[in-house]
Amino acid sequence: MEEKFIAAWQKAIEEAAALGVRQRPLPDSPMIHAHRVLSSHRESDGFAALAQKGRLELSLEALAIKKQFTSLFSDEEANNALTRLLDAGYSFQ
């Protein structure tokens, strides 16, 4: 499942880049990085720019709370992601 998550995250980064949202490339240990970001108080790279463009579905936070990927993250990490998305006005469809 981690490989599918990483592939989805890479695709989201590429789609964001096509919109002009610059993000760092995935690090050598993407899952460690994802856990670190979702456990911290800071948003993922490009989160604010994606929010401005109305494209938060391309954020790490949105990927982390997708049903197929929730088993990869702790409840705390998922709650942090959900809170950030809700605070930014993310519309769940």
PDB file of N, CA and C in Angstrom:
ATOM      1  N   MET A   1       0.830  -1.199   0.000  1.00  0.00           N
ATOM      2  CA  MET A   1       0.000   0.000   0.000  1.00  0.00           C
ATOM      3  C   MET A   1       0.873   1.262   0.000  1.00  0.00           C
ATOM      4  N   GLU A   2       2.025   1.181   0.659  1.00  0.00           N
ATOM      5  CA  GLU A   2       2.907   2.349   0.686  1.00  0.00           C
ATOM      6  C   GLU A   2       3.309   2.772  -0.726  1.00  0.00           C
ATOM      7  N   GLU A   3       3.587   1.791  -1.584  1.00  0.00           N
ATOM      8  CA  GLU A   3       4.000   2.112  -2.955  1.00  0.00           C
ATOM      9  C   GLU A   3       2.888   2.855  -3.700  1.00  0.00           C
ATOM     10  N   LYS A   4       1.651   2.443  -3.477  1.00  0.00           N
ATOM     11  CA  LYS A   4       0.518   3.122  -4.128  1.00  0.00           C
ATOM     12  C   LYS A   4       0.366   4.546  -3.597  1.00  0.00           C
ATOM     13  N   PHE A   5       0.556   4.707  -2.290  1.00  0.00           N
ATOM     14  CA  PHE A   5       0.470   6.045  -1.708  1.00  0.00           C
ATOM     15  C   PHE A   5       1.558   6.952  -2.285  1.00  0.00           C
ATOM     16  N   ILE A   6       2.779   6.448  -2.325  1.00  0.00           N
ATOM     17  CA  ILE A   6       3.899   7.239  -2.838  1.00  0.00           C
ATOM     18  C   ILE A   6       3.663   7.609  -4.304  1.00  0.00           C
ATOM     19  N   ALA A   7       3.153   6.670  -5.087  1.00  0.00           N
ATOM     20  CA  ALA A   7       2.857   6.964  -6.498  1.00  0.00           C
ATOM     21  C   ALA A   7       1.771   8.031  -6.621  1.00  0.00           C
ATOM     22  N   ALA A   8       0.740   7.944  -5.781  1.00  0.00           N
ATOM     23  CA  ALA A   8      -0.332   8.949  -5.802  1.00  0.00           C
ATOM     24  C   ALA A   8       0.198  10.308  -5.375  1.00  0.00           C
ATOM     25  N   TRP A   9       1.064  10.323  -4.391  1.00  0.00           N
ATOM     26  CA  TRP A   9       1.660  11.578  -3.915  1.00  0.00           C
ATOM     27  C   TRP A   9       2.521  12.192  -5.012  1.00  0.00           C
ATOM     28  N   GLN A  10       3.331  11.379  -5.686  1.00  0.00           N
ATOM     29  CA  GLN A  10       4.167  11.881  -6.773  1.00  0.00           C
ATOM     30  C   GLN A  10       3.300  12.459  -7.891  1.00  0.00           C
ATOM     31  N   LYS A  11       2.225  11.779  -8.223  1.00  0.00           N
ATOM     32  CA  LYS A  11       1.313  12.272  -9.260  1.00  0.00           C
ATOM     33  C   LYS A  11       0.698  13.609  -8.842  1.00  0.00           C
ATOM     34  N   ALA A  12       0.311  13.723  -7.573  1.00  0.00           N
ATOM     35  CA  ALA A  12      -0.267  14.974  -7.071  1.00  0.00           C
ATOM     36  C   ALA A  12       0.753  16.108  -7.157  1.00  0.00           C
ATOM     37  N   ILE A  13       2.007  15.822  -6.836  1.00  0.00           N
ATOM     38  CA  ILE A  13       3.073  16.836  -6.928  1.00  0.00           C
ATOM     39  C   ILE A  13       3.218  17.299  -8.376  1.00  0.00           C
ATOM     40  N   GLU A  14       3.170  16.359  -9.304  1.00  0.00           N
ATOM     41  CA  GLU A  14       3.298  16.708 -10.732  1.00  0.00           C
ATOM     42  C   GLU A  14       2.103  17.535 -11.208  1.00  0.00           C
ATOM     43  N   GLU A  15       0.896  17.170 -10.773  1.00  0.00           N
ATOM     44  CA  GLU A  15      -0.295  17.943 -11.141  1.00  0.00           C
ATOM     45  C   GLU A  15      -0.234  19.349 -10.547  1.00  0.00           C
ATOM     46  N   ALA A  16       0.244  19.453  -9.318  1.00  0.00           N
ATOM     47  CA  ALA A  16       0.383  20.766  -8.683  1.00  0.00           C
ATOM     48  C   ALA A  16       1.403  21.618  -9.444  1.00  0.00           C
ATOM     49  N   ALA A  17       2.488  20.995  -9.870  1.00  0.00           N
ATOM     50  CA  ALA A  17       3.515  21.728 -10.627  1.00  0.00           C
ATOM     51  C   ALA A  17       2.928  22.277 -11.923  1.00  0.00           C
ATOM     52  N   ALA A  18       2.040  21.522 -12.561  1.00  0.00           N
ATOM     53  CA  ALA A  18       1.399  21.983 -13.794  1.00  0.00           C
ATOM     54  C   ALA A  18       0.519  23.199 -13.535  1.00  0.00           C
ATOM     55  N   LEU A  19       0.075  23.359 -12.282  1.00  0.00           N
ATOM     56  CA  LEU A  19      -0.729  24.528 -11.889  1.00  0.00           C
ATOM     57  C   LEU A  19       0.144  25.693 -11.428  1.00  0.00           C
ATOM     58  N   GLY A  20       1.454  25.478 -11.404  1.00  0.00           N
ATOM     59  CA  GLY A  20       2.376  26.513 -10.950  1.00  0.00           C
ATOM     60  C   GLY A  20       2.664  26.472  -9.467  1.00  0.00           C
ATOM     61  N   VAL A  21       2.262  25.391  -8.792  1.00  0.00           N
ATOM     62  CA  VAL A  21       2.521  25.253  -7.358  1.00  0.00           C
ATOM     63  C   VAL A  21       3.807  24.450  -7.202  1.00  0.00           C
ATOM     64  N   ARG A  22       4.796  25.112  -6.668  1.00  0.00           N
ATOM     65  CA  ARG A  22       6.087  24.461  -6.501  1.00  0.00           C
ATOM     66  C   ARG A  22       6.150  23.758  -5.153  1.00  0.00           C
ATOM     67  N   GLN A  23       6.560  22.510  -5.194  1.00  0.00           N
ATOM     68  CA  GLN A  23       6.753  21.718  -3.993  1.00  0.00           C
ATOM     69  C   GLN A  23       8.103  21.027  -4.090  1.00  0.00           C
ATOM     70  N   ARG A  24       8.606  20.639  -2.957  1.00  0.00           N
ATOM     71  CA  ARG A  24       9.855  19.885  -2.969  1.00  0.00           C
ATOM     72  C   ARG A  24       9.589  18.504  -3.566  1.00  0.00           C
ATOM     73  N   PRO A  25      10.601  17.961  -4.251  1.00  0.00           N
ATOM     74  CA  PRO A  25      10.433  16.581  -4.725  1.00  0.00           C
ATOM     75  C   PRO A  25      10.364  15.625  -3.532  1.00  0.00           C
ATOM     76  N   LEU A  26       9.813  14.443  -3.753  1.00  0.00           N
ATOM     77  CA  LEU A  26       9.742  13.478  -2.665  1.00  0.00           C
ATOM     78  C   LEU A  26      11.148  13.128  -2.192  1.00  0.00           C
ATOM     79  N   PRO A  27      11.332  13.065  -0.893  1.00  0.00           N
ATOM     80  CA  PRO A  27      12.650  12.704  -0.357  1.00  0.00           C
ATOM     81  C   PRO A  27      12.918  11.209  -0.539  1.00  0.00           C
ATOM     82  N   ASP A  28      14.112  10.795  -0.173  1.00  0.00           N
ATOM     83  CA  ASP A  28      14.484   9.384  -0.288  1.00  0.00           C
ATOM     84  C   ASP A  28      13.584   8.480   0.549  1.00  0.00           C
ATOM     85  N   SER A  29      13.106   8.970   1.649  1.00  0.00           N
ATOM     86  CA  SER A  29      12.217   8.199   2.534  1.00  0.00           C
ATOM     87  C   SER A  29      10.865   8.907   2.624  1.00  0.00           C
ATOM     88  N   PRO A  30      10.034   8.793   1.580  1.00  0.00           N
ATOM     89  CA  PRO A  30       8.796   9.577   1.554  1.00  0.00           C
ATOM     90  C   PRO A  30       7.831   9.279   2.698  1.00  0.00           C
ATOM     91  N   MET A  31       7.744   8.037   3.138  1.00  0.00           N
ATOM     92  CA  MET A  31       6.806   7.725   4.222  1.00  0.00           C
ATOM     93  C   MET A  31       7.261   8.347   5.538  1.00  0.00           C
ATOM     94  N   ILE A  32       8.547   8.339   5.789  1.00  0.00           N
ATOM     95  CA  ILE A  32       9.061   8.989   7.005  1.00  0.00           C
ATOM     96  C   ILE A  32       8.739  10.470   6.949  1.00  0.00           C
ATOM     97  N   HIS A  33       8.930  11.075   5.792  1.00  0.00           N
ATOM     98  CA  HIS A  33       8.630  12.497   5.623  1.00  0.00           C
ATOM     99  C   HIS A  33       7.136  12.764   5.814  1.00  0.00           C
ATOM    100  N   ALA A  34       6.293  11.926   5.237  1.00  0.00           N
ATOM    101  CA  ALA A  34       4.840  12.109   5.378  1.00  0.00           C
ATOM    102  C   ALA A  34       4.429  12.033   6.846  1.00  0.00           C
ATOM    103  N   HIS A  35       4.948  11.057   7.568  1.00  0.00           N
ATOM    104  CA  HIS A  35       4.629  10.934   8.994  1.00  0.00           C
ATOM    105  C   HIS A  35       5.109  12.161   9.766  1.00  0.00           C
ATOM    106  N   ARG A  36       6.282  12.645   9.418  1.00  0.00           N
ATOM    107  CA  ARG A  36       6.837  13.823  10.103  1.00  0.00           C
ATOM    108  C   ARG A  36       5.957  15.043   9.875  1.00  0.00           C
ATOM    109  N   VAL A  37       5.563  15.272   8.634  1.00  0.00           N
ATOM    110  CA  VAL A  37       4.729  16.441   8.309  1.00  0.00           C
ATOM    111  C   VAL A  37       3.364  16.328   8.983  1.00  0.00           C
ATOM    112  N   LEU A  38       2.766  15.173   8.901  1.00  0.00           N
ATOM    113  CA  LEU A  38       1.417  15.011   9.450  1.00  0.00           C
ATOM    114  C   LEU A  38       1.399  15.005  10.974  1.00  0.00           C
ATOM    115  N   SER A  39       2.541  14.748  11.598  1.00  0.00           N
ATOM    116  CA  SER A  39       2.630  14.775  13.057  1.00  0.00           C
ATOM    117  C   SER A  39       2.990  16.157  13.589  1.00  0.00           C
ATOM    118  N   SER A  40       3.457  17.015  12.706  1.00  0.00           N
ATOM    119  CA  SER A  40       3.908  18.341  13.130  1.00  0.00           C
ATOM    120  C   SER A  40       2.769  19.352  13.075  1.00  0.00           C
ATOM    121  N   HIS A  41       3.100  20.576  13.415  1.00  0.00           N
ATOM    122  CA  HIS A  41       2.114  21.660  13.381  1.00  0.00           C
ATOM    123  C   HIS A  41       2.158  22.440  12.080  1.00  0.00           C
ATOM    124  N   ARG A  42       3.040  22.035  11.173  1.00  0.00           N
ATOM    125  CA  ARG A  42       3.138  22.769   9.909  1.00  0.00           C
ATOM    126  C   ARG A  42       2.420  22.030   8.796  1.00  0.00           C
ATOM    127  N   GLU A  43       1.976  22.785   7.824  1.00  0.00           N
ATOM    128  CA  GLU A  43       1.309  22.211   6.666  1.00  0.00           C
ATOM    129  C   GLU A  43       2.343  21.630   5.710  1.00  0.00           C
ATOM    130  N   SER A  44       1.885  20.777   4.826  1.00  0.00           N
ATOM    131  CA  SER A  44       2.769  20.223   3.809  1.00  0.00           C
ATOM    132  C   SER A  44       3.202  21.316   2.835  1.00  0.00           C
ATOM    133  N   ASP A  45       4.274  21.036   2.097  1.00  0.00           N
ATOM    134  CA  ASP A  45       4.760  21.978   1.089  1.00  0.00           C
ATOM    135  C   ASP A  45       3.654  22.270   0.089  1.00  0.00           C
ATOM    136  N   GLY A  46       3.457  23.532  -0.206  1.00  0.00           N
ATOM    137  CA  GLY A  46       2.485  23.933  -1.210  1.00  0.00           C
ATOM    138  C   GLY A  46       1.041  23.969  -0.740  1.00  0.00           C
ATOM    139  N   PHE A  47       0.788  23.621   0.523  1.00  0.00           N
ATOM    140  CA  PHE A  47      -0.591  23.558   1.018  1.00  0.00           C
ATOM    141  C   PHE A  47      -1.317  24.889   0.821  1.00  0.00           C
ATOM    142  N   ALA A  48      -0.708  25.973   1.229  1.00  0.00           N
ATOM    143  CA  ALA A  48      -1.355  27.287   1.125  1.00  0.00           C
ATOM    144  C   ALA A  48      -1.613  27.660  -0.335  1.00  0.00           C
ATOM    145  N   ALA A  49      -0.643  27.379  -1.208  1.00  0.00           N
ATOM    146  CA  ALA A  49      -0.825  27.690  -2.626  1.00  0.00           C
ATOM    147  C   ALA A  49      -1.927  26.830  -3.240  1.00  0.00           C
ATOM    148  N   LEU A  50      -1.991  25.569  -2.852  1.00  0.00           N
ATOM    149  CA  LEU A  50      -3.065  24.700  -3.342  1.00  0.00           C
ATOM    150  C   LEU A  50      -4.418  25.178  -2.827  1.00  0.00           C
ATOM    151  N   ALA A  51      -4.454  25.648  -1.586  1.00  0.00           N
ATOM    152  CA  ALA A  51      -5.706  26.177  -1.023  1.00  0.00           C
ATOM    153  C   ALA A  51      -6.165  27.394  -1.818  1.00  0.00           C
ATOM    154  N   GLN A  52      -5.240  28.280  -2.157  1.00  0.00           N
ATOM    155  CA  GLN A  52      -5.590  29.477  -2.929  1.00  0.00           C
ATOM    156  C   GLN A  52      -6.149  29.125  -4.297  1.00  0.00           C
ATOM    157  N   LYS A  53      -5.651  28.040  -4.868  1.00  0.00           N
ATOM    158  CA  LYS A  53      -6.115  27.620  -6.190  1.00  0.00           C
ATOM    159  C   LYS A  53      -7.327  26.695  -6.116  1.00  0.00           C
ATOM    160  N   GLY A  54      -7.788  26.398  -4.888  1.00  0.00           N
ATOM    161  CA  GLY A  54      -8.929  25.507  -4.734  1.00  0.00           C
ATOM    162  C   GLY A  54      -8.627  24.072  -5.122  1.00  0.00           C
ATOM    163  N   ARG A  55      -7.382  23.651  -4.905  1.00  0.00           N
ATOM    164  CA  ARG A  55      -6.956  22.316  -5.327  1.00  0.00           C
ATOM    165  C   ARG A  55      -6.312  21.529  -4.179  1.00  0.00           C
ATOM    166  N   LEU A  56      -6.886  21.633  -3.008  1.00  0.00           N
ATOM    167  CA  LEU A  56      -6.336  20.923  -1.854  1.00  0.00           C
ATOM    168  C   LEU A  56      -6.375  19.408  -2.001  1.00  0.00           C
ATOM    169  N   GLU A  57      -7.128  18.894  -2.948  1.00  0.00           N
ATOM    170  CA  GLU A  57      -7.130  17.439  -3.163  1.00  0.00           C
ATOM    171  C   GLU A  57      -5.758  16.933  -3.595  1.00  0.00           C
ATOM    172  N   LEU A  58      -4.879  17.860  -4.003  1.00  0.00           N
ATOM    173  CA  LEU A  58      -3.526  17.496  -4.398  1.00  0.00           C
ATOM    174  C   LEU A  58      -2.538  17.562  -3.233  1.00  0.00           C
ATOM    175  N   SER A  59      -3.011  17.862  -2.052  1.00  0.00           N
ATOM    176  CA  SER A  59      -2.119  17.988  -0.884  1.00  0.00           C
ATOM    177  C   SER A  59      -1.861  16.640  -0.227  1.00  0.00           C
ATOM    178  N   LEU A  60      -0.756  16.564   0.476  1.00  0.00           N
ATOM    179  CA  LEU A  60      -0.443  15.388   1.283  1.00  0.00           C
ATOM    180  C   LEU A  60      -1.571  15.098   2.258  1.00  0.00           C
ATOM    181  N   GLU A  61      -2.105  16.139   2.858  1.00  0.00           N
ATOM    182  CA  GLU A  61      -3.177  15.975   3.839  1.00  0.00           C
ATOM    183  C   GLU A  61      -4.393  15.273   3.239  1.00  0.00           C
ATOM    184  N   ALA A  62      -4.784  15.696   2.037  1.00  0.00           N
ATOM    185  CA  ALA A  62      -5.948  15.089   1.391  1.00  0.00           C
ATOM    186  C   ALA A  62      -5.681  13.630   1.014  1.00  0.00           C
ATOM    187  N   LEU A  63      -4.478  13.350   0.577  1.00  0.00           N
ATOM    188  CA  LEU A  63      -4.134  11.962   0.254  1.00  0.00           C
ATOM    189  C   LEU A  63      -4.162  11.084   1.496  1.00  0.00           C
ATOM    190  N   ALA A  64      -3.661  11.615   2.599  1.00  0.00           N
ATOM    191  CA  ALA A  64      -3.550  10.834   3.834  1.00  0.00           C
ATOM    192  C   ALA A  64      -4.898  10.415   4.394  1.00  0.00           C
ATOM    193  N   ILE A  65      -5.952  11.168   4.094  1.00  0.00           N
ATOM    194  CA  ILE A  65      -7.254  10.806   4.652  1.00  0.00           C
ATOM    195  C   ILE A  65      -8.128  10.043   3.658  1.00  0.00           C
ATOM    196  N   LYS A  66      -7.585   9.736   2.488  1.00  0.00           N
ATOM    197  CA  LYS A  66      -8.331   8.900   1.546  1.00  0.00           C
ATOM    198  C   LYS A  66      -8.483   7.507   2.144  1.00  0.00           C
ATOM    199  N   LYS A  67      -9.659   6.955   1.982  1.00  0.00           N
ATOM    200  CA  LYS A  67      -9.997   5.660   2.589  1.00  0.00           C
ATOM    201  C   LYS A  67      -8.939   4.591   2.313  1.00  0.00           C
ATOM    202  N   GLN A  68      -8.441   4.547   1.107  1.00  0.00           N
ATOM    203  CA  GLN A  68      -7.477   3.504   0.744  1.00  0.00           C
ATOM    204  C   GLN A  68      -6.128   3.660   1.441  1.00  0.00           C
ATOM    205  N   PHE A  69      -5.845   4.857   1.980  1.00  0.00           N
ATOM    206  CA  PHE A  69      -4.537   5.101   2.588  1.00  0.00           C
ATOM    207  C   PHE A  69      -4.584   5.318   4.101  1.00  0.00           C
ATOM    208  N   THR A  70      -5.748   5.354   4.700  1.00  0.00           N
ATOM    209  CA  THR A  70      -5.835   5.686   6.125  1.00  0.00           C
ATOM    210  C   THR A  70      -5.095   4.696   7.014  1.00  0.00           C
ATOM    211  N   SER A  71      -4.963   3.456   6.594  1.00  0.00           N
ATOM    212  CA  SER A  71      -4.260   2.472   7.419  1.00  0.00           C
ATOM    213  C   SER A  71      -2.765   2.765   7.538  1.00  0.00           C
ATOM    214  N   LEU A  72      -2.257   3.632   6.683  1.00  0.00           N
ATOM    215  CA  LEU A  72      -0.830   3.976   6.716  1.00  0.00           C
ATOM    216  C   LEU A  72      -0.503   5.014   7.790  1.00  0.00           C
ATOM    217  N   PHE A  73      -1.538   5.651   8.350  1.00  0.00           N
ATOM    218  CA  PHE A  73      -1.313   6.767   9.266  1.00  0.00           C
ATOM    219  C   PHE A  73      -2.024   6.558  10.592  1.00  0.00           C
ATOM    220  N   SER A  74      -1.469   7.156  11.625  1.00  0.00           N
ATOM    221  CA  SER A  74      -2.081   7.068  12.949  1.00  0.00           C
ATOM    222  C   SER A  74      -3.329   7.951  13.001  1.00  0.00           C
ATOM    223  N   ASP A  75      -4.137   7.732  14.016  1.00  0.00           N
ATOM    224  CA  ASP A  75      -5.322   8.577  14.202  1.00  0.00           C
ATOM    225  C   ASP A  75      -4.919  10.033  14.366  1.00  0.00           C
ATOM    226  N   GLU A  76      -3.839  10.281  15.109  1.00  0.00           N
ATOM    227  CA  GLU A  76      -3.373  11.652  15.315  1.00  0.00           C
ATOM    228  C   GLU A  76      -2.969  12.308  13.995  1.00  0.00           C
ATOM    229  N   GLU A  77      -2.247  11.568  13.167  1.00  0.00           N
ATOM    230  CA  GLU A  77      -1.830  12.113  11.871  1.00  0.00           C
ATOM    231  C   GLU A  77      -3.045  12.405  10.991  1.00  0.00           C
ATOM    232  N   ALA A  78      -3.987  11.481  10.954  1.00  0.00           N
ATOM    233  CA  ALA A  78      -5.197  11.684  10.157  1.00  0.00           C
ATOM    234  C   ALA A  78      -6.010  12.865  10.679  1.00  0.00           C
ATOM    235  N   ASN A  79      -6.104  12.988  11.995  1.00  0.00           N
ATOM    236  CA  ASN A  79      -6.834  14.118  12.580  1.00  0.00           C
ATOM    237  C   ASN A  79      -6.156  15.441  12.262  1.00  0.00           C
ATOM    238  N   ASN A  80      -4.825  15.466  12.311  1.00  0.00           N
ATOM    239  CA  ASN A  80      -4.093  16.687  11.948  1.00  0.00           C
ATOM    240  C   ASN A  80      -4.381  17.063  10.496  1.00  0.00           C
ATOM    241  N   ALA A  81      -4.336  16.065   9.622  1.00  0.00           N
ATOM    242  CA  ALA A  81      -4.607  16.320   8.202  1.00  0.00           C
ATOM    243  C   ALA A  81      -6.024  16.837   8.010  1.00  0.00           C
ATOM    244  N   LEU A  82      -6.978  16.192   8.648  1.00  0.00           N
ATOM    245  CA  LEU A  82      -8.380  16.595   8.522  1.00  0.00           C
ATOM    246  C   LEU A  82      -8.605  18.003   9.060  1.00  0.00           C
ATOM    247  N   THR A  83      -8.019  18.313  10.187  1.00  0.00           N
ATOM    248  CA  THR A  83      -8.158  19.650  10.779  1.00  0.00           C
ATOM    249  C   THR A  83      -7.604  20.716   9.847  1.00  0.00           C
ATOM    250  N   ARG A  84      -6.425  20.470   9.285  1.00  0.00           N
ATOM    251  CA  ARG A  84      -5.836  21.446   8.356  1.00  0.00           C
ATOM    252  C   ARG A  84      -6.750  21.662   7.151  1.00  0.00           C
ATOM    253  N   LEU A  85      -7.262  20.580   6.616  1.00  0.00           N
ATOM    254  CA  LEU A  85      -8.140  20.691   5.453  1.00  0.00           C
ATOM    255  C   LEU A  85      -9.415  21.454   5.794  1.00  0.00           C
ATOM    256  N   LEU A  86     -10.032  21.118   6.917  1.00  0.00           N
ATOM    257  CA  LEU A  86     -11.260  21.816   7.315  1.00  0.00           C
ATOM    258  C   LEU A  86     -10.996  23.290   7.589  1.00  0.00           C
ATOM    259  N   ASP A  87      -9.881  23.587   8.257  1.00  0.00           N
ATOM    260  CA  ASP A  87      -9.537  24.985   8.548  1.00  0.00           C
ATOM    261  C   ASP A  87      -9.311  25.782   7.254  1.00  0.00           C
ATOM    262  N   ALA A  88      -8.866  25.100   6.208  1.00  0.00           N
ATOM    263  CA  ALA A  88      -8.619  25.770   4.926  1.00  0.00           C
ATOM    264  C   ALA A  88      -9.866  25.822   4.042  1.00  0.00           C
ATOM    265  N   GLY A  89     -10.976  25.267   4.556  1.00  0.00           N
ATOM    266  CA  GLY A  89     -12.226  25.312   3.800  1.00  0.00           C
ATOM    267  C   GLY A  89     -12.365  24.246   2.751  1.00  0.00           C
ATOM    268  N   TYR A  90     -11.647  23.138   2.919  1.00  0.00           N
ATOM    269  CA  TYR A  90     -11.716  22.042   1.957  1.00  0.00           C
ATOM    270  C   TYR A  90     -13.122  21.496   1.868  1.00  0.00           C
ATOM    271  N   SER A  91     -13.577  21.275   0.647  1.00  0.00           N
ATOM    272  CA  SER A  91     -14.913  20.740   0.406  1.00  0.00           C
ATOM    273  C   SER A  91     -14.786  19.255   0.068  1.00  0.00           C
ATOM    274  N   PHE A  92     -15.343  18.423   0.930  1.00  0.00           N
ATOM    275  CA  PHE A  92     -15.318  16.989   0.717  1.00  0.00           C
ATOM    276  C   PHE A  92     -16.449  16.615  -0.239  1.00  0.00           C
ATOM    277  N   GLN A  93     -16.093  15.879  -1.283  1.00  0.00           N
ATOM    278  CA  GLN A  93     -17.100  15.519  -2.292  1.00  0.00           C
ATOM    279  C   GLN A  93     -17.269  14.031  -2.357  1.00  0.00           C
TER     280      GLN A  93
END
